[in-house]
N, C-alpha and C. Protein backbone atom coordinates (compact mmCIF):
# COMPACT_ATOMS: atom_id res chain seq x y z
N PRO A 1 77.63 67.49 147.18
CA PRO A 1 78.89 68.14 147.73
C PRO A 1 79.40 69.08 146.86
N LEU A 2 80.26 69.94 147.51
CA LEU A 2 81.16 70.97 146.76
C LEU A 2 82.33 70.53 146.08
N LYS A 3 82.45 70.78 144.80
CA LYS A 3 83.47 70.29 144.42
C LYS A 3 84.75 71.28 144.44
N LEU A 4 85.82 71.03 144.43
CA LEU A 4 87.03 71.92 144.87
C LEU A 4 87.24 72.71 143.23
N LEU A 5 87.61 73.89 143.43
CA LEU A 5 88.04 74.51 142.39
C LEU A 5 89.58 74.32 141.88
N GLN A 6 89.62 73.69 140.53
CA GLN A 6 91.10 73.34 140.42
C GLN A 6 91.31 74.57 139.07
N PRO A 7 92.48 74.97 139.28
CA PRO A 7 93.06 75.87 138.03
C PRO A 7 92.98 75.19 136.83
N LYS A 8 92.71 75.88 135.53
CA LYS A 8 92.87 74.98 134.34
C LYS A 8 94.10 75.34 133.79
N THR A 9 94.35 74.33 133.12
CA THR A 9 95.70 74.45 132.71
C THR A 9 95.60 75.28 131.31
N VAL A 10 96.54 75.76 130.94
CA VAL A 10 96.72 76.43 129.57
C VAL A 10 97.27 75.65 128.82
N PRO A 11 97.09 75.57 127.53
CA PRO A 11 97.89 74.62 126.54
C PRO A 11 99.01 75.58 126.38
N LYS A 12 100.39 74.89 125.79
CA LYS A 12 101.39 75.56 125.50
C LYS A 12 101.43 75.96 123.98
N ARG A 13 101.66 76.91 123.54
CA ARG A 13 101.78 77.04 122.23
C ARG A 13 102.62 76.35 121.38
N LEU A 14 102.09 76.14 120.37
CA LEU A 14 103.10 75.33 119.29
C LEU A 14 103.74 76.08 118.48
N GLY A 15 105.08 76.26 118.95
CA GLY A 15 106.16 76.97 118.10
C GLY A 15 105.74 78.31 117.50
N THR A 16 104.83 78.79 117.86
CA THR A 16 104.52 80.20 117.34
C THR A 16 104.99 81.19 118.55
N SER A 17 105.91 81.81 118.14
CA SER A 17 106.81 82.74 119.05
C SER A 17 106.61 84.34 118.35
N GLN A 18 106.33 85.41 119.23
CA GLN A 18 106.24 86.76 118.82
C GLN A 18 107.64 87.05 118.07
N LYS A 19 107.70 87.57 116.94
CA LYS A 19 108.90 88.06 116.26
C LYS A 19 109.18 89.46 117.03
N LYS A 20 110.60 89.54 116.92
CA LYS A 20 110.90 91.09 117.48
C LYS A 20 110.91 92.04 116.34
N PRO A 21 110.61 92.90 116.33
CA PRO A 21 110.75 93.77 115.19
C PRO A 21 112.10 94.32 114.79
N ARG A 22 112.34 94.05 113.49
CA ARG A 22 113.83 94.03 113.15
C ARG A 22 114.11 95.69 112.95
N GLU A 23 115.24 95.91 113.11
CA GLU A 23 115.88 97.22 112.68
C GLU A 23 116.17 97.27 111.04
N PRO A 24 115.75 98.31 110.50
CA PRO A 24 115.90 98.67 109.22
C PRO A 24 117.42 98.53 108.65
N GLN A 25 117.74 98.17 108.05
CA GLN A 25 119.25 97.61 107.50
C GLN A 25 119.60 98.34 106.09
N VAL A 26 120.73 98.58 105.66
CA VAL A 26 121.24 98.93 104.37
C VAL A 26 121.21 97.62 103.81
N PRO A 27 120.48 97.36 102.64
CA PRO A 27 120.73 95.89 101.73
C PRO A 27 122.19 95.63 101.61
N ARG A 28 122.34 94.42 101.89
CA ARG A 28 123.77 93.73 101.53
C ARG A 28 124.19 93.97 100.33
N SER A 29 123.28 93.74 99.41
CA SER A 29 123.88 93.90 97.86
C SER A 29 124.52 95.18 97.64
N LEU A 30 123.84 96.39 98.32
CA LEU A 30 124.33 97.57 97.98
C LEU A 30 125.70 97.70 98.98
N ILE A 31 125.80 97.34 99.96
CA ILE A 31 127.23 97.51 100.80
C ILE A 31 128.25 96.59 100.12
N LYS A 32 127.90 95.58 99.29
CA LYS A 32 129.07 94.67 98.64
C LYS A 32 129.12 95.36 97.55
N GLU A 33 128.27 95.95 96.42
CA GLU A 33 128.66 96.60 95.43
C GLU A 33 129.57 98.06 95.73
N ILE A 34 128.98 98.59 96.81
CA ILE A 34 129.90 99.79 97.05
C ILE A 34 131.39 99.29 97.55
N PHE A 35 131.60 98.12 98.40
CA PHE A 35 132.78 97.92 98.71
C PHE A 35 133.58 97.15 97.71
N ARG A 36 133.07 96.40 96.71
CA ARG A 36 133.58 96.22 95.58
C ARG A 36 134.42 97.25 94.63
N HIS A 37 133.37 98.46 94.48
CA HIS A 37 133.93 99.30 93.65
C HIS A 37 135.26 100.16 94.42
N PHE A 38 135.14 100.29 95.57
CA PHE A 38 136.50 101.01 96.08
C PHE A 38 137.24 100.12 96.21
N ALA A 39 137.35 98.87 96.44
CA ALA A 39 138.10 97.69 96.91
C ALA A 39 138.89 97.44 95.58
N LYS A 40 138.33 97.64 94.52
CA LYS A 40 138.67 97.25 93.15
C LYS A 40 139.45 95.75 92.97
N MET A 41 138.83 94.78 93.89
CA MET A 41 139.53 93.44 93.77
C MET A 41 138.16 92.08 94.78
N PRO A 42 138.55 91.26 94.44
CA PRO A 42 137.59 90.40 94.83
C PRO A 42 137.35 90.48 96.50
N VAL A 43 136.27 90.14 97.09
CA VAL A 43 136.22 90.03 98.49
C VAL A 43 135.80 88.79 98.88
N THR A 44 136.34 88.06 100.14
CA THR A 44 135.78 86.84 100.63
C THR A 44 134.89 87.02 101.30
N ARG A 45 134.12 85.83 101.70
CA ARG A 45 132.69 86.21 102.41
C ARG A 45 133.10 86.80 104.12
N ASP A 46 134.16 85.99 104.41
CA ASP A 46 134.54 86.45 105.86
C ASP A 46 134.78 88.14 106.17
N ALA A 47 135.73 88.69 104.98
CA ALA A 47 135.93 90.07 104.88
C ALA A 47 134.44 90.80 104.89
N PHE A 48 133.84 90.33 103.92
CA PHE A 48 132.43 91.24 103.66
C PHE A 48 131.46 91.10 104.90
N GLN A 49 131.39 90.01 105.66
CA GLN A 49 130.68 90.00 106.85
C GLN A 49 131.19 90.95 107.75
N ILE A 50 132.44 91.20 108.13
CA ILE A 50 132.97 92.25 108.82
C ILE A 50 132.86 93.60 108.18
N VAL A 51 132.81 93.91 107.05
CA VAL A 51 132.35 95.12 106.55
C VAL A 51 131.14 95.52 106.80
N GLU A 52 130.21 94.27 106.57
CA GLU A 52 128.98 94.55 106.80
C GLU A 52 128.80 94.75 108.51
N LYS A 53 128.86 94.26 109.50
CA LYS A 53 129.03 94.63 110.57
C LYS A 53 129.48 95.96 110.86
N CYS A 54 130.34 96.38 110.41
CA CYS A 54 131.08 97.90 110.57
C CYS A 54 130.16 98.96 109.98
N SER A 55 129.55 98.48 108.83
CA SER A 55 128.88 99.28 107.92
C SER A 55 127.54 99.64 108.99
N ASP A 56 127.36 98.66 109.60
CA ASP A 56 125.91 98.71 110.21
C ASP A 56 126.09 99.49 111.56
N ARG A 57 127.14 99.11 112.09
CA ARG A 57 127.61 100.02 113.32
C ARG A 57 127.66 101.47 112.98
N TYR A 58 128.32 101.76 112.09
CA TYR A 58 128.81 103.17 111.91
C TYR A 58 127.52 104.04 111.50
N PHE A 59 126.45 103.34 110.87
CA PHE A 59 125.26 104.08 110.23
C PHE A 59 124.58 104.34 111.56
N LYS A 60 124.21 103.31 112.55
CA LYS A 60 123.97 103.34 114.04
C LYS A 60 124.20 104.49 114.83
N GLN A 61 125.81 104.79 114.59
CA GLN A 61 126.30 105.76 115.22
C GLN A 61 125.91 107.24 114.74
N LEU A 62 126.11 107.27 113.48
CA LEU A 62 125.65 108.45 112.48
C LEU A 62 124.49 108.75 112.83
N SER A 63 123.76 108.01 113.08
CA SER A 63 121.86 108.58 113.34
C SER A 63 121.86 109.06 114.86
N ASN A 64 122.83 108.37 115.79
CA ASN A 64 122.42 108.65 117.21
C ASN A 64 123.17 110.03 117.26
N ASP A 65 124.36 110.55 116.52
CA ASP A 65 124.82 111.68 116.49
C ASP A 65 124.00 112.84 115.98
N LEU A 66 123.50 112.21 114.68
CA LEU A 66 122.49 113.44 114.23
C LEU A 66 121.52 113.52 115.15
N GLU A 67 120.87 112.56 115.47
CA GLU A 67 119.80 112.94 116.80
C GLU A 67 120.24 113.70 117.54
N ALA A 68 121.44 113.32 118.19
CA ALA A 68 121.94 114.49 119.33
C ALA A 68 122.14 115.80 118.86
N TYR A 69 122.61 115.99 117.79
CA TYR A 69 122.84 117.47 117.39
C TYR A 69 121.57 118.10 117.09
N SER A 70 120.48 117.47 116.43
CA SER A 70 119.02 118.17 116.34
C SER A 70 118.40 118.44 117.74
N HIS A 71 118.45 117.57 118.64
CA HIS A 71 118.10 117.53 120.16
C HIS A 71 118.75 118.82 120.59
N HIS A 72 120.04 118.67 120.56
CA HIS A 72 120.72 119.79 121.05
C HIS A 72 120.34 121.24 120.81
N ALA A 73 120.02 121.24 119.45
CA ALA A 73 119.64 122.40 118.88
C ALA A 73 118.12 123.03 119.24
N GLY A 74 117.42 121.95 119.71
CA GLY A 74 115.81 121.91 120.29
C GLY A 74 115.05 121.59 119.26
N ARG A 75 115.65 121.16 117.99
CA ARG A 75 114.45 120.59 117.22
C ARG A 75 114.24 119.07 117.16
N LYS A 76 113.07 118.46 116.16
CA LYS A 76 112.78 117.17 116.42
C LYS A 76 113.18 116.74 115.00
N THR A 77 113.90 117.64 113.98
CA THR A 77 114.06 117.01 112.79
C THR A 77 115.49 117.14 112.75
N VAL A 78 115.92 116.33 111.89
CA VAL A 78 117.15 116.57 111.46
C VAL A 78 117.43 117.35 110.28
N GLU A 79 118.45 118.25 110.16
CA GLU A 79 118.61 119.05 108.81
C GLU A 79 119.76 118.85 108.32
N ALA A 80 120.11 119.40 107.14
CA ALA A 80 121.28 119.41 106.58
C ALA A 80 122.66 119.81 106.93
N ALA A 81 122.23 120.84 107.94
CA ALA A 81 123.30 121.39 108.34
C ALA A 81 124.00 120.70 109.68
N ASP A 82 123.06 119.83 110.35
CA ASP A 82 123.33 118.66 111.14
C ASP A 82 124.27 117.69 110.75
N LEU A 83 124.28 117.25 109.44
CA LEU A 83 124.98 116.64 108.53
C LEU A 83 126.47 117.21 108.42
N GLU A 84 126.18 118.42 108.11
CA GLU A 84 127.67 119.03 107.86
C GLU A 84 128.45 119.27 109.04
N VAL A 85 127.82 119.37 110.03
CA VAL A 85 128.17 119.36 111.33
C VAL A 85 129.10 117.99 111.75
N LEU A 86 128.41 117.18 111.79
CA LEU A 86 128.87 115.80 111.69
C LEU A 86 130.03 115.39 110.82
N MET A 87 130.04 115.67 109.57
CA MET A 87 130.84 115.33 108.31
C MET A 87 132.27 116.26 108.82
N ARG A 88 132.15 117.62 109.57
CA ARG A 88 133.18 118.15 109.63
C ARG A 88 133.60 117.57 110.95
N ARG A 89 133.39 117.37 112.15
CA ARG A 89 133.85 116.52 113.24
C ARG A 89 134.43 115.18 112.58
N GLN A 90 134.04 114.82 111.90
CA GLN A 90 134.80 113.42 111.51
C GLN A 90 136.02 113.74 110.35
N GLY A 91 136.20 115.26 110.08
CA GLY A 91 137.24 115.25 109.42
C GLY A 91 136.94 115.21 107.84
N LEU A 92 135.69 114.79 107.41
CA LEU A 92 135.38 114.67 106.02
C LEU A 92 135.28 116.17 105.25
N VAL A 93 134.46 117.07 105.91
CA VAL A 93 134.35 118.31 105.42
C VAL A 93 135.33 119.34 106.16
N THR A 94 136.42 120.10 105.21
CA THR A 94 137.07 121.27 105.99
C THR A 94 136.73 122.24 105.24
N ASP A 95 137.66 123.55 105.41
CA ASP A 95 137.38 124.53 104.94
C ASP A 95 138.17 124.44 103.20
N LYS A 96 139.12 123.67 103.01
CA LYS A 96 139.85 123.37 101.85
C LYS A 96 138.86 122.54 100.98
N MET A 97 137.87 121.51 101.83
CA MET A 97 137.20 120.64 101.28
C MET A 97 135.66 120.55 101.52
N PRO A 98 134.91 121.53 100.74
CA PRO A 98 133.39 121.61 101.24
C PRO A 98 132.44 120.49 101.01
N LEU A 99 131.62 120.43 101.74
CA LEU A 99 130.36 119.41 101.33
C LEU A 99 130.26 119.61 99.89
N ARG A 100 129.93 120.84 99.28
CA ARG A 100 129.44 120.81 97.74
C ARG A 100 130.45 119.87 97.16
N VAL A 101 131.97 120.21 97.30
CA VAL A 101 132.82 119.42 96.30
C VAL A 101 132.72 118.02 96.66
N LEU A 102 132.41 117.58 97.70
CA LEU A 102 132.22 115.78 98.11
C LEU A 102 131.02 115.76 97.38
N ILE A 103 129.94 116.44 97.36
CA ILE A 103 128.69 115.92 96.60
C ILE A 103 129.09 116.06 95.13
N GLU A 104 129.61 116.81 94.69
CA GLU A 104 130.03 116.71 93.06
C GLU A 104 131.00 116.09 92.95
N ARG A 105 131.68 115.22 93.42
CA ARG A 105 132.80 114.25 93.43
C ARG A 105 132.28 113.18 93.67
N TYR A 106 131.36 112.56 94.62
CA TYR A 106 131.14 111.16 94.57
C TYR A 106 129.89 110.77 94.19
N LEU A 107 128.82 111.95 93.92
CA LEU A 107 127.31 111.15 93.78
C LEU A 107 127.40 111.54 92.39
N PRO A 108 126.13 110.69 91.88
CA PRO A 108 126.15 110.73 90.46
C PRO A 108 125.13 112.12 90.11
N LEU A 109 124.87 112.23 88.85
CA LEU A 109 124.39 113.63 88.45
C LEU A 109 122.83 113.98 88.98
N GLU A 110 121.92 112.73 89.07
CA GLU A 110 120.57 112.96 89.43
C GLU A 110 120.62 113.23 90.85
N TYR A 111 121.44 112.87 91.37
CA TYR A 111 121.49 113.21 93.17
C TYR A 111 121.98 114.53 93.53
N ARG A 112 123.21 114.76 92.75
CA ARG A 112 123.54 116.05 92.84
C ARG A 112 122.73 117.34 92.38
N ARG A 113 121.49 116.94 91.43
CA ARG A 113 120.57 118.09 91.21
C ARG A 113 119.64 118.23 92.30
N LEU A 114 119.39 117.16 92.89
CA LEU A 114 118.48 117.49 94.01
C LEU A 114 118.98 118.04 95.71
N LEU A 115 120.49 117.89 95.52
CA LEU A 115 121.22 118.49 96.51
C LEU A 115 121.89 119.99 96.26
N ILE A 116 122.32 120.17 95.50
CA ILE A 116 122.99 121.41 94.96
C ILE A 116 122.24 122.28 94.00
N PRO A 117 121.55 123.58 94.47
CA PRO A 117 120.91 124.53 93.57
C PRO A 117 121.45 124.88 92.30
N VAL A 118 120.67 124.74 91.25
CA VAL A 118 121.29 125.03 89.82
C VAL A 118 120.04 125.92 89.03
N ALA A 119 121.04 126.73 88.48
CA ALA A 119 119.82 127.57 87.99
C ALA A 119 119.36 127.20 86.41
N VAL A 120 118.19 127.18 86.15
CA VAL A 120 117.63 126.70 84.82
C VAL A 120 116.86 127.52 84.16
N SER A 121 116.42 127.18 82.99
CA SER A 121 115.94 128.30 81.90
C SER A 121 114.64 128.58 82.61
N GLY A 122 114.58 129.89 82.19
CA GLY A 122 113.34 130.66 82.95
C GLY A 122 113.75 131.39 84.19
N ASN A 123 114.96 131.26 84.25
CA ASN A 123 115.64 132.01 85.61
C ASN A 123 115.00 131.73 86.89
N LYS A 124 114.82 130.07 86.82
CA LYS A 124 114.35 129.52 88.01
C LYS A 124 115.54 128.60 88.51
N VAL A 125 115.75 128.42 90.09
CA VAL A 125 116.78 127.75 90.42
C VAL A 125 116.26 126.47 91.31
N MET A 126 116.67 125.32 90.95
CA MET A 126 116.21 124.12 91.36
C MET A 126 117.24 123.19 92.40
N PRO A 127 117.14 122.78 93.25
CA PRO A 127 115.62 122.42 93.65
C PRO A 127 115.22 123.67 94.46
N CYS A 128 113.79 123.74 94.48
CA CYS A 128 113.28 125.13 95.11
C CYS A 128 113.05 124.63 96.67
N LYS A 129 113.11 125.70 97.57
CA LYS A 129 113.39 125.66 99.02
C LYS A 129 111.93 125.72 99.65
């Protein structure tokens, strides 16, 4: 006699679910350190969680805007000019407060040297383009 074909049962997985890829984030310790520096007072956990959410949304919006600017210019890479345009639109960079002044005011010397060309001995300009 012919046996009826019955579907095989597939065993259920035991708690092994595939993890969704996580988005990169700014480290919590860095956000906390920066916020405490500018607040100059202790911060509660609730307030810090709100600051963390706001900074995450800010950086997402920032990256989306920079992507739109470079796409509008017909490029696939974001350039420093895109960032300057964005900061100008946000009101951070003006004719009276250029980007160079903000860099000199808020960044440490090792980062300033990377962003602002400086003449060094031997008649060389660092960083090289």
